[in-house]
Amino acid sequence: MSPNKPQDELAPQELELLMMDYLAGHLDDTAMAEFDTMIADNPQLSQELVELQQLMGLIEQHNQQDIPEPSAQMDQNFYAMLHEAVRDEVQAGQSIWSRLKQWLQLPQIRRVSYAFSFLAMGVLLGHYLQLLNQQASLQDQQLALKDQQIQALTVLSLLDMPSANKRLMAIQLAAMSSQPDDAVVDALLTTLQQDRNVNVRLQALEALRPHANTVAVQSGLVAAMAHQESPMVQVALVRLLRQVKAPGAAAAVEQLLQQENLLEPVRTELNQSLNEMI
C-alpha cells in the first residue's frame, strides 16, 4: 500500500496497514521516504507507530519463547493473516443501507418489486376508473331526472289544452316513458275519467296498460268504470281489469250492469268478465 494519498484521506484501517508495511519493510524506497515525511509532520502518527512497533516486538518475543525463531515464510504468513483480518473488518463495516441496496438489486427482488409496483398501479387505476364511472353514472341519472321532469311538464301542459290532437300528443309522449312521473300517471287517470273525446280516453287507457299491475293504477281504473259511457271504452276497460285481476273490479262491473241503456254486446262482455272475476 502506498502513502501517496494525504493522511486525512486515508481510512484508519488503511493507515494501520501502511504502518505495518512500514515496520515490516514491505514498502519500496520511495514509499518509505514518503512515510518518513508523513511521520515527521505528524507527532501523533509517530507516537502510534512507536506503540505499534512495541506491540509487534512483544508479539515477536512471545513467539520466540514458545517456538523456534520464525522463518521468513512464517513472517509473511503472519502479515498476510493480519492484512486479511483488517480487510474483513473493513468489509464488515459496510452500512446497512449498502447491504439493503445490494439486496434490492437481486433479480428476484427486482421482479417482486416490479410486480408489486404494477399491482399498486393497477389498484389505483381501477379505483380511479371506478370513480369516473360513478361520476358518469350520477351525471346520467341527473340528466335522466331532468328530462323526466321536462317531459312531465310538457305532458301536463298539453293535456290541459282544448285541442284533442294536442291531448293525444301528450298521451303519446307519456307512453314513451317506461317510468312516468306520478303526476303524469294521475293526469292519465283523470283523462280516462273526464276527457270529452273517446279517442283520447282510449289512448289514455293504452298508455296506462304497462302500469296496470300497480295498486294505484288499478284503483284508478276501477274508479274510472263508473264514468264511462262509450261502449268501446267500457269493453276495453273491463277487459284490462279482468286481465290484471284488479281488486274491486267485480263490484264496479256489477254497478255498470245496472244501467238500462247498455248495448247488448257490451252487457254480454261485462257478464262474461264478471263470471271470471267472481
Foldseek 3Di string as FASTA:
>chain_A
DACPDDPVPDDPLRLVLLLVCQLVVVDDPVRNVVVVVNCVVDVVSVVVSVVVNVVVVVVQVVCVVPDPRDDPVVVVVVSVVVNVVSVVVVVVPDDPVVVVVVVCPDPVNVVVVVVVVVVVVVVVVVVVVVVVVVVVVVVVVVVVVVVLVVLQVCLVVQCPDPDLVSNLVSLVSLLVDPDHDPSNLVSLLVCLQDPPDPVSNVSSVVSCLSVCLDLVNLVSLLVSQVRDDDLVSNLVSLVSCLVNLRPPNLVSLVVVLPDPPDDPVSNVSSVVSNVSSD
